[in-house]
Protein backbone atom coordinates (compact mmCIF):
# COMPACT_ATOMS: atom_id res chain seq x y z
CA MET A 1 100.06 277.26 229.90
CA GLN A 2 97.37 276.85 232.23
CA PRO A 3 98.28 278.79 235.66
CA ARG A 4 100.66 276.78 237.98
CA ASN A 5 98.77 276.27 241.63
CA MET A 6 99.39 279.20 244.00
CA SER A 7 101.25 278.64 246.91
CA MET A 8 100.78 280.39 250.32
CA SER A 9 103.61 278.85 252.22
CA GLY A 10 105.42 281.09 253.35
CA VAL A 11 103.67 284.02 252.94
CA VAL A 12 103.34 285.17 256.74
CA ASP A 13 106.65 286.52 257.33
CA LEU A 14 106.43 288.64 261.15
CA ALA A 15 108.82 291.44 260.04
CA ALA A 16 106.75 292.07 257.13
CA VAL A 17 103.22 291.51 258.91
CA LYS A 18 104.59 294.16 261.40
CA ALA A 19 105.40 296.81 258.42
CA ALA A 20 102.05 295.85 256.86
CA GLY A 21 100.09 296.95 259.90
CA GLU A 22 102.27 300.01 260.16
CA ALA A 23 101.71 300.85 256.50
CA LYS A 24 97.62 299.82 257.08
CA ALA A 25 97.35 302.31 259.98
CA LYS A 26 98.87 305.27 257.67
CA ALA A 27 96.28 304.28 255.08
CA GLU A 28 93.34 304.18 257.83
CA GLN A 29 95.08 308.04 258.70
CA ALA A 30 94.87 308.87 255.41
CA ARG A 31 91.48 308.01 254.84
CA ALA A 32 90.25 309.48 257.90
CA GLU A 33 91.90 312.81 257.19
CA ALA A 34 90.12 312.52 253.95
CA ALA A 35 86.66 311.80 255.77
CA ARG A 36 87.03 314.69 258.09
CA LYS A 37 87.94 317.29 255.27
CA GLY A 38 84.64 315.78 253.60
CA GLY A 39 85.76 313.40 251.32
CA THR A 40 84.98 309.60 251.32
CA GLY A 41 88.56 308.35 250.92
CA ALA A 42 87.30 306.03 247.70
CA VAL A 43 88.44 305.64 244.48
CA ALA A 44 87.54 305.71 240.60
CA PRO A 45 87.14 302.61 239.22
CA SER A 46 90.31 303.39 236.71
CA ALA A 47 92.46 303.59 239.58
CA LEU A 48 92.17 300.04 240.52
CA VAL A 49 94.32 299.36 237.29
CA ILE A 50 98.03 301.42 237.58
CA ASP A 51 101.17 301.48 235.66
CA VAL A 52 103.93 300.88 237.86
CA ASP A 53 107.82 301.11 237.22
CA GLU A 54 111.04 300.77 239.35
CA ALA A 55 110.86 304.13 240.95
CA SER A 56 107.00 303.94 242.07
CA PHE A 57 107.10 299.82 242.85
CA GLU A 58 107.70 300.37 246.41
CA ARG A 59 105.24 303.03 247.19
CA ASP A 60 102.35 301.91 244.31
CA VAL A 61 102.70 298.17 245.20
CA LEU A 62 104.36 297.48 248.89
CA GLN A 63 103.04 300.09 250.66
CA ARG A 64 99.65 299.30 248.99
CA SER A 65 99.79 295.36 249.53
CA ALA A 66 98.91 296.47 253.21
CA GLU A 67 95.52 297.66 252.68
CA VAL A 68 94.61 295.97 249.61
CA PRO A 69 96.04 292.52 247.47
CA VAL A 70 98.28 293.87 244.61
CA VAL A 71 97.91 291.75 241.38
CA ILE A 72 100.97 292.44 239.00
CA ASP A 73 100.70 291.50 235.26
CA PHE A 74 103.90 292.05 233.93
CA TRP A 75 103.86 292.54 230.21
CA ALA A 76 105.21 293.56 226.70
CA GLU A 77 104.07 295.48 223.96
CA TRP A 78 105.43 292.75 221.68
CA CYS A 79 103.86 290.10 223.72
CA GLU A 80 100.56 288.64 222.03
CA PRO A 81 99.32 286.27 224.89
CA CYS A 82 99.80 289.74 226.70
CA LYS A 83 97.32 291.27 224.52
CA GLN A 84 94.28 288.71 225.53
CA LEU A 85 95.88 288.56 229.44
CA GLY A 86 95.97 292.15 230.38
CA PRO A 87 92.24 293.48 228.95
CA LEU A 88 90.66 290.55 230.92
CA LEU A 89 92.85 291.34 234.34
CA GLU A 90 91.63 294.57 233.95
CA ARG A 91 88.20 294.17 233.52
CA LEU A 92 88.48 291.29 236.25
CA ALA A 93 89.65 294.38 238.59
CA VAL A 94 86.86 296.46 237.73
CA ALA A 95 84.47 293.59 238.72
CA TYR A 96 86.11 292.67 241.72
CA ASN A 97 85.51 296.64 243.23
CA GLY A 98 88.58 297.15 244.84
CA ARG A 99 88.82 293.50 246.75
CA PHE A 100 92.30 293.69 244.63
CA LEU A 101 94.86 295.96 242.97
CA LEU A 102 95.78 295.18 238.88
CA ALA A 103 99.45 296.98 238.93
CA LYS A 104 101.35 296.62 235.22
CA VAL A 105 104.63 296.12 234.81
CA ASP A 106 106.24 297.08 231.20
CA VAL A 107 109.34 294.40 231.64
CA ASP A 108 111.00 295.95 228.33
CA ALA A 109 111.06 299.29 230.72
CA ASN A 110 111.78 297.81 233.89
CA GLN A 111 114.52 294.80 233.89
CA MET A 112 115.26 295.24 237.42
CA LEU A 113 111.53 294.44 238.54
CA MET A 114 111.94 291.54 235.80
CA GLN A 115 114.77 289.96 237.55
CA GLN A 116 113.99 290.69 240.89
CA PHE A 117 110.76 288.36 240.33
CA GLY A 118 113.11 285.74 238.48
CA ILE A 119 110.58 286.01 235.73
CA GLN A 120 111.91 283.98 232.55
CA GLY A 121 108.56 284.12 230.28
CA ILE A 122 105.20 286.30 230.07
CA PRO A 123 102.96 287.24 230.57
CA ALA A 124 103.75 286.12 234.21
CA VAL A 125 101.53 287.36 237.09
CA PHE A 126 102.65 287.33 240.88
CA ALA A 127 100.46 289.36 244.12
CA VAL A 128 101.74 290.73 246.72
CA VAL A 129 100.01 290.78 249.79
CA ALA A 130 101.26 292.31 253.16
CA GLY A 131 104.71 292.63 251.80
CA GLN A 132 104.99 289.49 250.57
CA ALA A 133 105.27 288.27 246.91
CA LEU A 134 104.11 285.24 245.10
CA PRO A 135 103.60 283.65 242.13
CA LEU A 136 99.97 282.93 240.41
CA PHE A 137 100.05 282.63 237.72
CA GLN A 138 102.46 282.48 233.98
CA GLY A 139 100.29 282.29 230.38
CA ALA A 140 97.15 283.50 229.47
CA ALA A 141 94.51 281.10 231.26
CA PRO A 142 90.78 280.86 230.89
CA GLU A 143 88.60 283.33 233.00
CA ALA A 144 86.94 280.82 234.71
CA GLN A 145 90.88 279.57 236.52
CA ILE A 146 91.85 283.03 237.03
CA ARG A 147 88.78 283.86 239.10
CA GLU A 148 89.38 281.01 241.20
CA THR A 149 93.40 281.87 241.75
CA LEU A 150 91.72 285.62 242.97
CA ASP A 151 89.44 284.34 244.70
CA GLN A 152 92.10 282.31 247.17
CA LEU A 153 93.98 285.27 246.84
CA ILE A 154 91.52 287.69 248.41
CA GLN A 155 90.52 285.05 251.42
CA VAL A 156 94.52 284.76 251.95
CA GLY A 157 94.33 288.60 252.59
CA GLU A 158 91.56 288.63 254.21
CA GLU A 159 91.67 286.06 257.04
CA ARG A 160 96.16 286.40 257.21
CA PHE A 161 96.28 290.62 257.22
CA GLY A 162 92.65 291.57 258.01
CA LEU A 163 93.07 293.23 254.30
CA THR A 164 89.13 294.18 253.32
CA GLY A 165 89.91 295.94 250.04
CA ILE A 166 89.51 300.04 249.38
CA ASP A 167 86.73 301.60 248.86
CA VAL A 168 85.50 302.30 245.12
CA ASP A 169 82.85 305.31 243.98
CA PRO A 170 81.58 304.68 240.58
CA ASP A 171 80.80 308.04 240.42
CA ALA A 172 84.00 309.58 241.02
CA GLU A 173 84.98 308.60 237.78
CA GLY A 174 84.44 311.89 235.60
CA ALA A 175 86.35 313.79 238.15
CA ASP A 176 89.37 311.21 237.64
CA ALA A 177 89.48 311.34 234.08
CA ALA A 178 92.68 311.86 231.95
CA PRO A 179 92.78 315.03 230.29
CA ALA A 180 92.92 314.73 226.44
CA GLU A 181 95.95 314.54 225.63
CA VAL A 182 98.32 317.21 223.66
CA PRO A 183 100.64 315.95 220.48
CA ALA A 184 104.06 316.61 221.50
CA GLY A 185 106.14 319.38 219.82
CA PRO A 186 109.13 319.98 218.93
CA TYR A 187 111.60 320.88 221.58
CA ASP A 188 114.85 322.23 220.39
CA ALA A 189 114.46 325.64 221.73
CA LEU A 190 114.01 323.90 225.54
CA LEU A 191 116.62 320.95 225.05
CA GLU A 192 119.27 324.09 223.85
CA ALA A 193 118.38 326.39 226.64
CA ALA A 194 118.90 323.92 228.74
CA SER A 195 122.42 322.94 227.75
CA VAL A 196 122.91 326.62 227.84
CA ALA A 197 122.41 326.74 231.33
CA LEU A 198 124.46 323.12 232.20
CA ASP A 199 127.69 325.40 230.13
CA ALA A 200 127.07 328.36 232.74
CA ASN A 201 126.94 326.38 235.55
CA ASP A 202 122.96 326.91 236.12
CA PHE A 203 122.24 323.78 237.22
CA PRO A 204 119.03 324.80 238.65
CA GLY A 205 118.04 326.77 235.04
CA ALA A 206 118.98 323.81 233.10
CA ALA A 207 116.28 321.16 235.69
CA GLN A 208 113.54 323.45 235.09
CA ALA A 209 113.90 323.60 230.91
CA TYR A 210 114.29 319.67 230.82
CA ARG A 211 111.47 319.53 233.09
CA ASN A 212 109.68 322.18 231.06
CA VAL A 213 110.00 319.28 228.46
CA LEU A 214 109.01 316.32 230.33
CA SER A 215 106.22 317.85 231.35
CA ASP A 216 104.70 317.55 227.37
CA ASP A 217 107.31 315.06 227.07
CA PRO A 218 107.53 312.04 229.51
CA GLY A 219 109.93 309.49 227.53
CA ASN A 220 111.73 311.72 226.09
CA PRO A 221 115.00 310.67 226.71
CA GLU A 222 117.57 313.39 226.15
CA ALA A 223 115.36 315.80 228.89
CA LYS A 224 115.82 312.53 231.29
CA LEU A 225 118.92 312.56 231.29
CA GLY A 226 119.79 316.05 231.16
CA LEU A 227 117.12 315.98 234.12
CA ALA A 228 119.07 313.71 236.16
CA GLN A 229 122.63 315.02 235.32
CA ALA A 230 121.51 318.62 236.14
CA GLU A 231 119.53 317.79 239.38
CA LEU A 232 123.26 316.18 240.22
CA LEU A 233 125.39 318.71 239.83
CA ALA A 234 122.95 321.33 241.43
CA ARG A 235 123.14 319.05 244.55
CA VAL A 236 126.89 318.97 244.66
CA GLN A 237 127.23 322.25 243.77
CA LYS A 238 126.27 322.71 247.25
CA MET A 239 128.46 320.56 249.28
CA ASN A 240 131.66 320.84 251.02
CA PRO A 241 133.16 317.96 249.28
CA GLN A 242 135.81 317.05 253.24
CA GLU A 243 132.83 317.50 255.15
CA VAL A 244 130.70 315.13 253.20
CA ARG A 245 133.05 312.51 252.77
CA GLU A 246 134.30 312.43 256.73
CA LYS A 247 130.69 312.51 257.75
CA ALA A 248 129.65 309.38 255.34
CA ALA A 249 132.79 307.61 256.72
CA ALA A 250 132.28 308.44 259.71
CA ASN A 251 128.29 307.57 260.22
CA PRO A 252 127.78 304.49 257.74
CA ALA A 253 124.30 303.99 259.20
CA ASP A 254 123.40 308.16 258.44
CA VAL A 255 121.81 307.51 255.32
CA ALA A 256 121.19 311.62 254.19
CA ALA A 257 125.58 311.10 254.45
CA GLN A 258 125.41 308.20 252.22
CA ILE A 259 123.41 309.76 249.75
CA ASP A 260 125.38 312.75 249.55
CA GLY A 261 128.72 310.75 249.52
CA ALA A 262 127.25 308.43 246.62
CA ASP A 263 126.51 311.97 244.59
CA LEU A 264 130.51 313.04 245.18
CA ASP A 265 131.32 309.60 244.44
CA LEU A 266 129.65 309.50 240.75
CA VAL A 267 130.61 313.22 239.85
CA GLY A 268 134.52 312.33 240.77
CA GLY A 269 133.99 309.21 238.52
CA HIS A 270 133.54 306.31 241.11
CA VAL A 271 130.84 305.01 239.41
CA GLU A 272 130.97 301.81 241.27
CA ASP A 273 132.07 303.25 244.70
CA ALA A 274 128.63 305.38 243.85
CA PHE A 275 126.64 302.55 243.39
CA GLY A 276 127.56 300.01 245.92
CA ARG A 277 127.90 302.91 248.27
CA LEU A 278 123.92 302.95 248.18
CA VAL A 279 123.48 299.51 247.35
CA GLU A 280 124.95 298.25 251.07
CA THR A 281 122.33 301.45 252.54
CA VAL A 282 119.36 300.09 250.86
CA ARG A 283 120.84 296.78 252.70
CA ARG A 284 120.97 297.92 256.14
CA THR A 285 117.67 300.52 256.10
CA PHE A 286 114.26 299.71 255.40
CA GLY A 287 110.82 301.70 255.20
CA ASP A 288 111.03 305.53 254.15
CA ASP A 289 114.72 305.47 254.27
CA ARG A 290 114.76 302.59 252.10
CA ASP A 291 112.74 303.83 249.73
CA ALA A 292 114.89 306.94 250.07
CA VAL A 293 118.12 305.44 249.14
CA ARG A 294 116.55 303.29 246.41
CA VAL A 295 114.86 306.14 244.22
CA ARG A 296 118.13 308.00 244.53
CA LEU A 297 120.12 305.20 243.56
CA LEU A 298 117.77 304.81 240.16
CA GLU A 299 118.43 308.93 239.80
CA LEU A 300 122.06 307.98 239.52
CA PHE A 301 121.41 304.80 237.15
CA GLU A 302 119.72 307.67 234.76
CA VAL A 303 122.89 309.38 234.95
CA ILE A 304 125.35 306.96 233.93
CA GLY A 305 123.22 305.47 231.43
CA PRO A 306 120.89 301.68 231.21
CA GLU A 307 123.45 300.53 228.53
CA ASP A 308 126.36 300.78 230.96
CA PRO A 309 127.51 297.72 232.15
CA ARG A 310 128.15 299.25 235.72
CA VAL A 311 124.27 299.68 235.58
CA ALA A 312 123.31 296.21 234.77
CA ALA A 313 125.67 294.99 237.73
CA ALA A 314 124.07 297.29 240.12
CA ARG A 315 120.39 296.65 239.41
CA THR A 316 121.55 292.95 240.00
CA ALA A 317 123.66 293.68 243.08
CA LEU A 318 119.73 295.80 243.97
CA ALA A 319 117.73 292.97 243.51
CA ARG A 320 119.49 291.11 245.50
CA VAL A 321 119.14 293.42 248.38
CA LEU A 322 115.47 293.96 248.07
CA PHE A 323 114.20 290.22 247.69
C-alpha cells in the first residue's frame, strides 16, 4: 500500500501551541541545566529510537513533541510488512540526526493506543507535532516516498512551531550502550515470599519482592499483577475511608482526592465506579495532573487484568477523553 498524502490541515491548535510552548521551555531549561553541570544535553544515536507503551506515551511522545517531531511506528511481531518497514524507519531516524524521534508501539501490548489512533491495519505510521497527532501513511513504502513525507513533517515542525530537533552526540554511543542481558532465572522463592508477605498484610515487603522479580524479568505477569495489588493495598491501608470519601465528594476538582477515592472504590469492589471516577478526572485535567491520573488508571487496570470487560470498556472511555 502506498503512503497516504499527509494532511497538515487542523495541525495548528492554539491550546496545543500554548502547551507545546510550555513543554519546550521546560526542555530548554533541562538542556541549560545539563550544560551548567558540564553536560551537552545531546543524546546518543541509539536514543533516537524508543519503545513506547501506554504508561510512557504522554511523557515520551506528547511532551517530547514540543521539542522535536515524533514519528510513531505501530507494529507487531507477527506482521511481515512491519519487519520491512521498522528497520528502514530506524535507519532513517539515525540518518536524520535528531530532526525527528522514532517511537515504536507494539499494538498487541498497547491496545488502547491502537484504539486512540483509530488504527485498522499495520504497519501504520503517525506523527505528533507540538501535541497534535496526524496520520502519515499505512503499509510498507519505498524509502524515497518516506523521506519525502519526513521532509514535509520536519518543515511543518520548523515553520509552524519552531521545532529544530534534538542534538545528537555520536561519541556518546558507548556510554549509553545497554548492559549485557542476564538470563532470567526461576523466581519461585521470591514470588512465594511476596505471597506470604501479602497474607501477613506486609504490603511494602510484598511490593519489594515483586520488584526484585521485575528488575530481572520486567514482563513477568505474576509479578506485575502482584505489584499492582500490593501497592494498591499499601496505599489504602494508610487511609481513613470516611475522610477520603467525604473529601472526594466535596472536591471534584481535587486530583489527589479523586485518585484516593478510586483506590477505595476498587478495594471495595466498585470497579466501574473507580474507573469512571478517574476517566472523568482525566477529562477535566491537563498536564502533570492528567498524567498522574492516567498513570493511576493504568495501574488499576493491572490490578483487575486486561481481559476483564470492565477494563476494555474503561480503556475505550479513556481514549475518548484523551483524543
